[in-house]
PDB file of N, CA and C in Angstrom:
ATOM      1  N   MET A   1     -17.052  42.478  20.107  1.00  0.00           N
ATOM      2  CA  MET A   1     -17.370  41.053  20.091  1.00  0.00           C
ATOM      3  C   MET A   1     -16.217  40.282  20.738  1.00  0.00           C
ATOM      4  N   ALA A   2     -16.548  39.329  21.542  1.00  0.00           N
ATOM      5  CA  ALA A   2     -15.556  38.508  22.237  1.00  0.00           C
ATOM      6  C   ALA A   2     -15.056  37.390  21.328  1.00  0.00           C
ATOM      7  N   LYS A   3     -13.885  36.882  21.670  1.00  0.00           N
ATOM      8  CA  LYS A   3     -13.302  35.779  20.905  1.00  0.00           C
ATOM      9  C   LYS A   3     -12.869  34.689  21.876  1.00  0.00           C
ATOM     10  N   ILE A   4     -13.214  33.452  21.538  1.00  0.00           N
ATOM     11  CA  ILE A   4     -12.810  32.304  22.344  1.00  0.00           C
ATOM     12  C   ILE A   4     -11.761  31.516  21.578  1.00  0.00           C
ATOM     13  N   VAL A   5     -10.679  31.166  22.266  1.00  0.00           N
ATOM     14  CA  VAL A   5      -9.636  30.333  21.677  1.00  0.00           C
ATOM     15  C   VAL A   5      -9.538  29.066  22.512  1.00  0.00           C
ATOM     16  N   VAL A   6      -9.733  27.925  21.856  1.00  0.00           N
ATOM     17  CA  VAL A   6      -9.647  26.630  22.523  1.00  0.00           C
ATOM     18  C   VAL A   6      -8.329  25.976  22.137  1.00  0.00           C
ATOM     19  N   ASP A   7      -7.537  25.604  23.126  1.00  0.00           N
ATOM     20  CA  ASP A   7      -6.317  24.838  22.876  1.00  0.00           C
ATOM     21  C   ASP A   7      -6.759  23.392  22.672  1.00  0.00           C
ATOM     22  N   GLU A   8      -6.928  23.008  21.430  1.00  0.00           N
ATOM     23  CA  GLU A   8      -7.489  21.697  21.106  1.00  0.00           C
ATOM     24  C   GLU A   8      -6.638  20.542  21.608  1.00  0.00           C
ATOM     25  N   GLU A   9      -5.345  20.735  21.724  1.00  0.00           N
ATOM     26  CA  GLU A   9      -4.484  19.658  22.207  1.00  0.00           C
ATOM     27  C   GLU A   9      -4.562  19.503  23.726  1.00  0.00           C
ATOM     28  N   ARG A  10      -4.937  20.543  24.411  1.00  0.00           N
ATOM     29  CA  ARG A  10      -5.069  20.488  25.871  1.00  0.00           C
ATOM     30  C   ARG A  10      -6.450  19.991  26.298  1.00  0.00           C
ATOM     31  N   CYS A  11      -7.463  20.217  25.458  1.00  0.00           N
ATOM     32  CA  CYS A  11      -8.846  19.846  25.776  1.00  0.00           C
ATOM     33  C   CYS A  11      -9.007  18.326  25.819  1.00  0.00           C
ATOM     34  N   LYS A  12      -9.646  17.838  26.881  1.00  0.00           N
ATOM     35  CA  LYS A  12      -9.890  16.400  27.028  1.00  0.00           C
ATOM     36  C   LYS A  12     -11.338  16.027  26.757  1.00  0.00           C
ATOM     37  N   GLY A  13     -12.126  16.980  26.282  1.00  0.00           N
ATOM     38  CA  GLY A  13     -13.508  16.683  25.918  1.00  0.00           C
ATOM     39  C   GLY A  13     -14.405  16.353  27.093  1.00  0.00           C
ATOM     40  N   CYS A  14     -14.173  16.966  28.236  1.00  0.00           N
ATOM     41  CA  CYS A  14     -14.980  16.669  29.428  1.00  0.00           C
ATOM     42  C   CYS A  14     -16.397  17.235  29.332  1.00  0.00           C
ATOM     43  N   GLU A  15     -16.592  18.198  28.449  1.00  0.00           N
ATOM     44  CA  GLU A  15     -17.893  18.816  28.173  1.00  0.00           C
ATOM     45  C   GLU A  15     -18.404  19.727  29.287  1.00  0.00           C
ATOM     46  N   LEU A  16     -17.599  20.068  30.268  1.00  0.00           N
ATOM     47  CA  LEU A  16     -18.054  20.945  31.350  1.00  0.00           C
ATOM     48  C   LEU A  16     -18.342  22.363  30.863  1.00  0.00           C
ATOM     49  N   CYS A  17     -17.671  22.783  29.819  1.00  0.00           N
ATOM     50  CA  CYS A  17     -17.881  24.137  29.297  1.00  0.00           C
ATOM     51  C   CYS A  17     -19.199  24.275  28.544  1.00  0.00           C
ATOM     52  N   ILE A  18     -19.720  23.186  28.033  1.00  0.00           N
ATOM     53  CA  ILE A  18     -20.934  23.246  27.209  1.00  0.00           C
ATOM     54  C   ILE A  18     -22.140  23.743  28.010  1.00  0.00           C
ATOM     55  N   PRO A  19     -22.478  23.139  29.149  1.00  0.00           N
ATOM     56  CA  PRO A  19     -23.619  23.673  29.906  1.00  0.00           C
ATOM     57  C   PRO A  19     -23.306  24.995  30.618  1.00  0.00           C
ATOM     58  N   ALA A  20     -22.019  25.322  30.769  1.00  0.00           N
ATOM     59  CA  ALA A  20     -21.646  26.574  31.432  1.00  0.00           C
ATOM     60  C   ALA A  20     -21.945  27.795  30.570  1.00  0.00           C
ATOM     61  N   CYS A  21     -22.024  27.604  29.274  1.00  0.00           N
ATOM     62  CA  CYS A  21     -22.240  28.722  28.349  1.00  0.00           C
ATOM     63  C   CYS A  21     -23.714  29.124  28.318  1.00  0.00           C
ATOM     64  N   PRO A  22     -24.023  30.363  28.720  1.00  0.00           N
ATOM     65  CA  PRO A  22     -25.423  30.796  28.712  1.00  0.00           C
ATOM     66  C   PRO A  22     -25.996  30.982  27.310  1.00  0.00           C
ATOM     67  N   LYS A  23     -25.140  31.119  26.316  1.00  0.00           N
ATOM     68  CA  LYS A  23     -25.591  31.302  24.931  1.00  0.00           C
ATOM     69  C   LYS A  23     -25.624  29.986  24.149  1.00  0.00           C
ATOM     70  N   HIS A  24     -25.175  28.901  24.763  1.00  0.00           N
ATOM     71  CA  HIS A  24     -25.182  27.568  24.142  1.00  0.00           C
ATOM     72  C   HIS A  24     -24.432  27.548  22.804  1.00  0.00           C
ATOM     73  N   ILE A  25     -23.213  28.090  22.822  1.00  0.00           N
ATOM     74  CA  ILE A  25     -22.441  28.147  21.583  1.00  0.00           C
ATOM     75  C   ILE A  25     -21.208  27.238  21.601  1.00  0.00           C
ATOM     76  N   MET A  26     -21.071  26.431  22.640  1.00  0.00           N
ATOM     77  CA  MET A  26     -19.967  25.469  22.700  1.00  0.00           C
ATOM     78  C   MET A  26     -20.513  24.085  22.379  1.00  0.00           C
ATOM     79  N   VAL A  27     -19.835  23.380  21.472  1.00  0.00           N
ATOM     80  CA  VAL A  27     -20.237  22.029  21.083  1.00  0.00           C
ATOM     81  C   VAL A  27     -18.989  21.161  20.958  1.00  0.00           C
ATOM     82  N   MET A  28     -19.199  19.863  20.933  1.00  0.00           N
ATOM     83  CA  MET A  28     -18.076  18.945  20.749  1.00  0.00           C
ATOM     84  C   MET A  28     -17.702  18.883  19.273  1.00  0.00           C
ATOM     85  N   SER A  29     -16.428  18.883  19.006  1.00  0.00           N
ATOM     86  CA  SER A  29     -15.929  18.742  17.644  1.00  0.00           C
ATOM     87  C   SER A  29     -16.031  17.279  17.224  1.00  0.00           C
ATOM     88  N   GLU A  30     -16.119  17.052  15.946  1.00  0.00           N
ATOM     89  CA  GLU A  30     -16.165  15.679  15.440  1.00  0.00           C
ATOM     90  C   GLU A  30     -14.771  15.121  15.200  1.00  0.00           C
ATOM     91  N   LYS A  31     -13.767  16.008  15.180  1.00  0.00           N
ATOM     92  CA  LYS A  31     -12.402  15.539  14.953  1.00  0.00           C
ATOM     93  C   LYS A  31     -11.733  15.177  16.278  1.00  0.00           C
ATOM     94  N   PHE A  32     -10.638  14.463  16.182  1.00  0.00           N
ATOM     95  CA  PHE A  32      -9.869  14.048  17.352  1.00  0.00           C
ATOM     96  C   PHE A  32      -8.612  14.902  17.470  1.00  0.00           C
ATOM     97  N   ASN A  33      -8.150  15.126  18.707  1.00  0.00           N
ATOM     98  CA  ASN A  33      -6.847  15.750  18.885  1.00  0.00           C
ATOM     99  C   ASN A  33      -5.788  14.644  18.961  1.00  0.00           C
ATOM    100  N   LYS A  34      -4.543  15.008  19.199  1.00  0.00           N
ATOM    101  CA  LYS A  34      -3.448  14.027  19.207  1.00  0.00           C
ATOM    102  C   LYS A  34      -3.574  12.997  20.326  1.00  0.00           C
ATOM    103  N   LYS A  35      -4.296  13.342  21.384  1.00  0.00           N
ATOM    104  CA  LYS A  35      -4.482  12.419  22.507  1.00  0.00           C
ATOM    105  C   LYS A  35      -5.686  11.508  22.321  1.00  0.00           C
ATOM    106  N   GLY A  36      -6.444  11.731  21.247  1.00  0.00           N
ATOM    107  CA  GLY A  36      -7.602  10.890  20.974  1.00  0.00           C
ATOM    108  C   GLY A  36      -8.914  11.397  21.540  1.00  0.00           C
ATOM    109  N   TYR A  37      -8.921  12.642  22.010  1.00  0.00           N
ATOM    110  CA  TYR A  37     -10.139  13.243  22.555  1.00  0.00           C
ATOM    111  C   TYR A  37     -10.825  14.103  21.499  1.00  0.00           C
ATOM    112  N   HIS A  38     -12.126  14.272  21.659  1.00  0.00           N
ATOM    113  CA  HIS A  38     -12.871  15.230  20.849  1.00  0.00           C
ATOM    114  C   HIS A  38     -12.826  16.568  21.586  1.00  0.00           C
ATOM    115  N   PRO A  39     -12.132  17.567  21.054  1.00  0.00           N
ATOM    116  CA  PRO A  39     -12.126  18.870  21.728  1.00  0.00           C
ATOM    117  C   PRO A  39     -13.432  19.624  21.473  1.00  0.00           C
ATOM    118  N   VAL A  40     -13.667  20.656  22.249  1.00  0.00           N
ATOM    119  CA  VAL A  40     -14.852  21.487  22.018  1.00  0.00           C
ATOM    120  C   VAL A  40     -14.540  22.514  20.939  1.00  0.00           C
ATOM    121  N   LYS A  41     -15.595  23.052  20.378  1.00  0.00           N
ATOM    122  CA  LYS A  41     -15.440  24.154  19.435  1.00  0.00           C
ATOM    123  C   LYS A  41     -16.596  25.115  19.645  1.00  0.00           C
ATOM    124  N   GLN A  42     -16.416  26.310  19.148  1.00  0.00           N
ATOM    125  CA  GLN A  42     -17.430  27.349  19.295  1.00  0.00           C
ATOM    126  C   GLN A  42     -18.210  27.482  17.991  1.00  0.00           C
ATOM    127  N   ILE A  43     -19.523  27.558  18.115  1.00  0.00           N
ATOM    128  CA  ILE A  43     -20.376  27.848  16.964  1.00  0.00           C
ATOM    129  C   ILE A  43     -21.051  29.192  17.223  1.00  0.00           C
ATOM    130  N   LYS A  44     -21.587  29.803  16.234  1.00  0.00           N
ATOM    131  CA  LYS A  44     -22.265  31.102  16.376  1.00  0.00           C
ATOM    132  C   LYS A  44     -21.378  32.094  17.141  1.00  0.00           C
ATOM    133  N   THR A  45     -20.167  32.284  16.645  1.00  0.00           N
ATOM    134  CA  THR A  45     -19.184  33.122  17.332  1.00  0.00           C
ATOM    135  C   THR A  45     -19.679  34.538  17.593  1.00  0.00           C
ATOM    136  N   GLU A  46     -20.543  35.042  16.747  1.00  0.00           N
ATOM    137  CA  GLU A  46     -21.039  36.408  16.916  1.00  0.00           C
ATOM    138  C   GLU A  46     -21.942  36.560  18.142  1.00  0.00           C
ATOM    139  N   GLU A  47     -22.414  35.459  18.699  1.00  0.00           N
ATOM    140  CA  GLU A  47     -23.290  35.513  19.875  1.00  0.00           C
ATOM    141  C   GLU A  47     -22.532  35.487  21.201  1.00  0.00           C
ATOM    142  N   CYS A  48     -21.235  35.277  21.151  1.00  0.00           N
ATOM    143  CA  CYS A  48     -20.431  35.212  22.378  1.00  0.00           C
ATOM    144  C   CYS A  48     -20.394  36.584  23.059  1.00  0.00           C
ATOM    145  N   THR A  49     -20.688  36.597  24.353  1.00  0.00           N
ATOM    146  CA  THR A  49     -20.680  37.842  25.126  1.00  0.00           C
ATOM    147  C   THR A  49     -19.364  38.057  25.870  1.00  0.00           C
ATOM    148  N   GLY A  50     -18.508  37.047  25.880  1.00  0.00           N
ATOM    149  CA  GLY A  50     -17.238  37.159  26.587  1.00  0.00           C
ATOM    150  C   GLY A  50     -17.353  36.973  28.082  1.00  0.00           C
ATOM    151  N   CYS A  51     -18.391  36.296  28.539  1.00  0.00           N
ATOM    152  CA  CYS A  51     -18.613  36.102  29.980  1.00  0.00           C
ATOM    153  C   CYS A  51     -17.537  35.232  30.627  1.00  0.00           C
ATOM    154  N   ALA A  52     -16.896  34.380  29.843  1.00  0.00           N
ATOM    155  CA  ALA A  52     -15.809  33.496  30.291  1.00  0.00           C
ATOM    156  C   ALA A  52     -16.265  32.379  31.224  1.00  0.00           C
ATOM    157  N   PHE A  53     -17.554  32.099  31.281  1.00  0.00           N
ATOM    158  CA  PHE A  53     -18.032  30.973  32.087  1.00  0.00           C
ATOM    159  C   PHE A  53     -17.435  29.660  31.576  1.00  0.00           C
ATOM    160  N   CYS A  54     -17.273  29.546  30.264  1.00  0.00           N
ATOM    161  CA  CYS A  54     -16.690  28.330  29.684  1.00  0.00           C
ATOM    162  C   CYS A  54     -15.259  28.138  30.171  1.00  0.00           C
ATOM    163  N   ALA A  55     -14.486  29.212  30.178  1.00  0.00           N
ATOM    164  CA  ALA A  55     -13.093  29.141  30.622  1.00  0.00           C
ATOM    165  C   ALA A  55     -12.996  28.813  32.110  1.00  0.00           C
ATOM    166  N   MET A  56     -13.896  29.369  32.908  1.00  0.00           N
ATOM    167  CA  MET A  56     -13.894  29.089  34.350  1.00  0.00           C
ATOM    168  C   MET A  56     -14.271  27.640  34.638  1.00  0.00           C
ATOM    169  N   ALA A  57     -15.105  27.048  33.797  1.00  0.00           N
ATOM    170  CA  ALA A  57     -15.543  25.664  34.003  1.00  0.00           C
ATOM    171  C   ALA A  57     -14.514  24.648  33.533  1.00  0.00           C
ATOM    172  N   CYS A  58     -13.560  25.073  32.715  1.00  0.00           N
ATOM    173  CA  CYS A  58     -12.595  24.143  32.114  1.00  0.00           C
ATOM    174  C   CYS A  58     -11.504  23.738  33.110  1.00  0.00           C
ATOM    175  N   PRO A  59     -11.467  22.462  33.510  1.00  0.00           N
ATOM    176  CA  PRO A  59     -10.446  22.016  34.463  1.00  0.00           C
ATOM    177  C   PRO A  59      -9.054  21.894  33.842  1.00  0.00           C
ATOM    178  N   ASP A  60      -8.989  21.905  32.514  1.00  0.00           N
ATOM    179  CA  ASP A  60      -7.705  21.748  31.825  1.00  0.00           C
ATOM    180  C   ASP A  60      -7.127  23.067  31.330  1.00  0.00           C
ATOM    181  N   VAL A  61      -7.761  24.174  31.659  1.00  0.00           N
ATOM    182  CA  VAL A  61      -7.327  25.513  31.256  1.00  0.00           C
ATOM    183  C   VAL A  61      -7.072  25.545  29.744  1.00  0.00           C
ATOM    184  N   ALA A  62      -8.011  25.012  28.996  1.00  0.00           N
ATOM    185  CA  ALA A  62      -7.870  24.914  27.545  1.00  0.00           C
ATOM    186  C   ALA A  62      -8.613  26.017  26.802  1.00  0.00           C
ATOM    187  N   ILE A  63      -9.293  26.900  27.530  1.00  0.00           N
ATOM    188  CA  ILE A  63     -10.103  27.937  26.889  1.00  0.00           C
ATOM    189  C   ILE A  63      -9.647  29.313  27.352  1.00  0.00           C
ATOM    190  N   GLU A  64      -9.403  30.190  26.376  1.00  0.00           N
ATOM    191  CA  GLU A  64      -9.086  31.585  26.659  1.00  0.00           C
ATOM    192  C   GLU A  64     -10.169  32.446  26.036  1.00  0.00           C
ATOM    193  N   VAL A  65     -10.555  33.500  26.725  1.00  0.00           N
ATOM    194  CA  VAL A  65     -11.577  34.416  26.220  1.00  0.00           C
ATOM    195  C   VAL A  65     -10.956  35.800  26.103  1.00  0.00           C
ATOM    196  N   PHE A  66     -11.113  36.394  24.933  1.00  0.00           N
ATOM    197  CA  PHE A  66     -10.603  37.739  24.670  1.00  0.00           C
ATOM    198  C   PHE A  66     -11.774  38.659  24.376  1.00  0.00           C
ATOM    199  N   LYS A  67     -11.779  39.824  25.005  1.00  0.00           N
ATOM    200  CA  LYS A  67     -12.848  40.804  24.764  1.00  0.00           C
ATOM    201  C   LYS A  67     -12.343  41.922  23.894  1.00  0.00           C
TER     202      LYS A  67
END
């Protein structure tokens, strides 16, 4: 099973990773980071295939994918 780690302080909430995920497991968090943005978070972690499309779509390099 793959693991996604989001650097919440680096994420600016651009939402580009959300449509990039073929499993639709990335959503916006309701909390704010220190910069005042809503970072993304992963739901249904067991469904992640580790494709890394979310990480490739992230312009802020805030997502790491581990297989």
